């Protein structure tokens, strides 16, 4: 427990301050409540909340881009790897559409799980380059 109490502060700035993040989330709550009361539609309200929170998350990631990319290991090789994963998933989905005429969402879920499993297995089998 002592290790949790005596934590070292981060040696980098976090981009947006916590005060700015709380303000953005407060505005998101107000906008979502306005949508909820004006439309009386739960699905539209949920999509509004998801979109605004996603936008705040995107803004935070952009404000801490250097730290985020370093932590996730996203360099030119990592970005190329992520792009290749997306392309292979889309191509596999299109292949499944042409063969079985399957539903859109189900096919993409199948593609993500199938290609993700192959990608994870290949990554787990390769030796570490630490």
Protein backbone atom coordinates (compact mmCIF):
# COMPACT_ATOMS: atom_id res chain seq x y z
CA UNK A 1 0.00 0.00 0.00
CA UNK A 2 2.90 2.33 0.66
CA UNK A 3 3.82 2.31 -3.04
CA UNK A 4 0.41 3.72 -3.94
CA UNK A 5 0.67 6.56 -1.41
CA UNK A 6 4.14 7.66 -2.48
CA UNK A 7 3.62 7.74 -6.22
CA UNK A 8 5.95 9.79 -8.33
CA UNK A 9 4.18 12.45 -10.41
CA UNK A 10 4.28 12.03 -14.16
CA UNK A 11 7.29 13.64 -15.79
CA UNK A 12 5.28 15.02 -18.68
CA UNK A 13 2.35 17.36 -19.10
CA UNK A 14 -1.03 15.83 -19.82
CA UNK A 15 -2.13 18.28 -22.52
CA UNK A 16 -5.58 19.42 -21.46
CA UNK A 17 -5.91 20.27 -17.80
CA UNK A 18 -8.38 18.40 -15.64
CA UNK A 19 -10.36 21.63 -15.26
CA UNK A 20 -10.76 21.93 -19.05
CA UNK A 21 -11.74 18.27 -19.33
CA UNK A 22 -14.39 18.65 -16.63
CA UNK A 23 -15.75 21.73 -18.43
CA UNK A 24 -15.98 19.79 -21.70
CA UNK A 25 -17.73 16.89 -19.99
CA UNK A 26 -20.15 19.31 -18.28
CA UNK A 27 -21.03 20.84 -21.65
CA UNK A 28 -21.52 17.32 -23.01
CA UNK A 29 -23.91 16.53 -20.16
CA UNK A 30 -25.89 19.73 -20.77
CA UNK A 31 -26.06 19.13 -24.53
CA UNK A 32 -27.16 15.53 -23.97
CA UNK A 33 -29.87 16.60 -21.53
CA UNK A 34 -31.11 19.22 -24.02
CA UNK A 35 -31.29 16.56 -26.74
CA UNK A 36 -33.08 14.20 -24.35
CA UNK A 37 -35.75 16.72 -23.41
CA UNK A 38 -36.29 18.13 -26.88
CA UNK A 39 -36.40 14.90 -28.86
CA UNK A 40 -37.68 12.39 -26.26
CA UNK A 41 -35.73 9.75 -28.18
CA UNK A 42 -33.40 7.54 -26.14
CA UNK A 43 -31.39 6.30 -29.12
CA UNK A 44 -30.68 9.80 -30.43
CA UNK A 45 -29.74 10.91 -26.92
CA UNK A 46 -27.34 7.98 -26.52
CA UNK A 47 -25.73 8.68 -29.91
CA UNK A 48 -25.32 12.34 -28.95
CA UNK A 49 -23.60 11.41 -25.69
CA UNK A 50 -21.38 8.85 -27.42
CA UNK A 51 -20.39 11.29 -30.18
CA UNK A 52 -19.61 14.16 -27.82
CA UNK A 53 -17.64 11.98 -25.38
CA UNK A 54 -15.76 10.46 -28.32
CA UNK A 55 -14.95 13.96 -29.55
CA UNK A 56 -13.62 14.91 -26.11
CA UNK A 57 -11.52 11.76 -26.05
CA UNK A 58 -10.16 12.56 -29.51
CA UNK A 59 -9.31 16.13 -28.42
CA UNK A 60 -7.52 14.79 -25.34
CA UNK A 61 -5.53 12.26 -27.39
CA UNK A 62 -4.51 14.97 -29.85
CA UNK A 63 -3.47 17.25 -26.99
CA UNK A 64 -1.25 14.47 -25.62
CA UNK A 65 -0.22 13.05 -28.99
CA UNK A 66 3.47 12.60 -28.24
CA UNK A 67 2.88 10.84 -24.93
CA UNK A 68 0.04 8.72 -26.32
CA UNK A 69 2.03 7.60 -29.36
CA UNK A 70 5.07 6.78 -27.21
CA UNK A 71 2.98 4.78 -24.71
CA UNK A 72 1.09 2.83 -27.41
CA UNK A 73 4.19 2.29 -29.50
CA UNK A 74 2.67 4.03 -32.50
CA UNK A 75 5.59 4.99 -34.65
CA UNK A 76 5.75 4.71 -38.41
CA UNK A 77 5.91 0.91 -38.14
CA UNK A 78 2.99 0.81 -35.68
CA UNK A 79 0.82 3.06 -37.84
CA UNK A 80 1.61 0.97 -40.90
CA UNK A 81 0.72 -2.17 -38.94
CA UNK A 82 -2.61 -0.66 -37.82
CA UNK A 83 -3.41 0.46 -41.37
CA UNK A 84 -2.61 -3.01 -42.71
CA UNK A 85 -4.91 -4.56 -40.07
CA UNK A 86 -7.79 -2.30 -41.14
CA UNK A 87 -7.23 -3.00 -44.83
CA UNK A 88 -7.07 -6.78 -44.30
CA UNK A 89 -10.24 -6.69 -42.17
CA UNK A 90 -12.15 -4.73 -44.82
CA UNK A 91 -10.93 -7.01 -47.61
CA UNK A 92 -11.92 -10.12 -45.65
CA UNK A 93 -15.37 -8.61 -45.00
CA UNK A 94 -15.85 -7.83 -48.68
CA UNK A 95 -14.81 -11.38 -49.51
CA UNK A 96 -17.43 -12.72 -47.06
CA UNK A 97 -20.08 -10.40 -48.57
CA UNK A 98 -19.37 -11.72 -52.05
CA UNK A 99 -19.41 -15.38 -51.01
CA UNK A 100 -22.28 -15.63 -48.51
CA UNK A 101 -24.27 -12.39 -48.84
CA UNK A 102 -24.13 -12.09 -45.06
CA UNK A 103 -25.35 -9.16 -42.89
CA UNK A 104 -23.13 -6.08 -42.70
CA UNK A 105 -22.52 -5.80 -38.93
CA UNK A 106 -22.17 -9.54 -38.37
CA UNK A 107 -19.64 -9.84 -41.17
CA UNK A 108 -17.47 -7.05 -39.79
CA UNK A 109 -17.63 -8.56 -36.30
CA UNK A 110 -16.62 -11.92 -37.77
CA UNK A 111 -13.80 -10.26 -39.71
CA UNK A 112 -12.50 -8.36 -36.70
CA UNK A 113 -12.48 -11.47 -34.53
CA UNK A 114 -10.94 -13.70 -37.21
CA UNK A 115 -8.26 -11.32 -38.42
CA UNK A 116 -7.64 -10.11 -34.85
CA UNK A 117 -7.03 -13.67 -33.71
CA UNK A 118 -4.57 -14.29 -36.54
CA UNK A 119 -2.83 -10.96 -35.90
CA UNK A 120 -2.58 -11.64 -32.14
CA UNK A 121 -1.27 -15.17 -32.73
CA UNK A 122 1.40 -13.97 -35.15
CA UNK A 123 2.41 -11.20 -32.72
CA UNK A 124 2.58 -13.67 -29.82
CA UNK A 125 4.78 -16.07 -31.81
CA UNK A 126 7.33 -13.47 -32.87
CA UNK A 127 10.27 -12.90 -30.53
CA UNK A 128 10.35 -9.65 -28.60
CA UNK A 129 12.71 -6.94 -29.78
CA UNK A 130 13.08 -5.16 -26.43
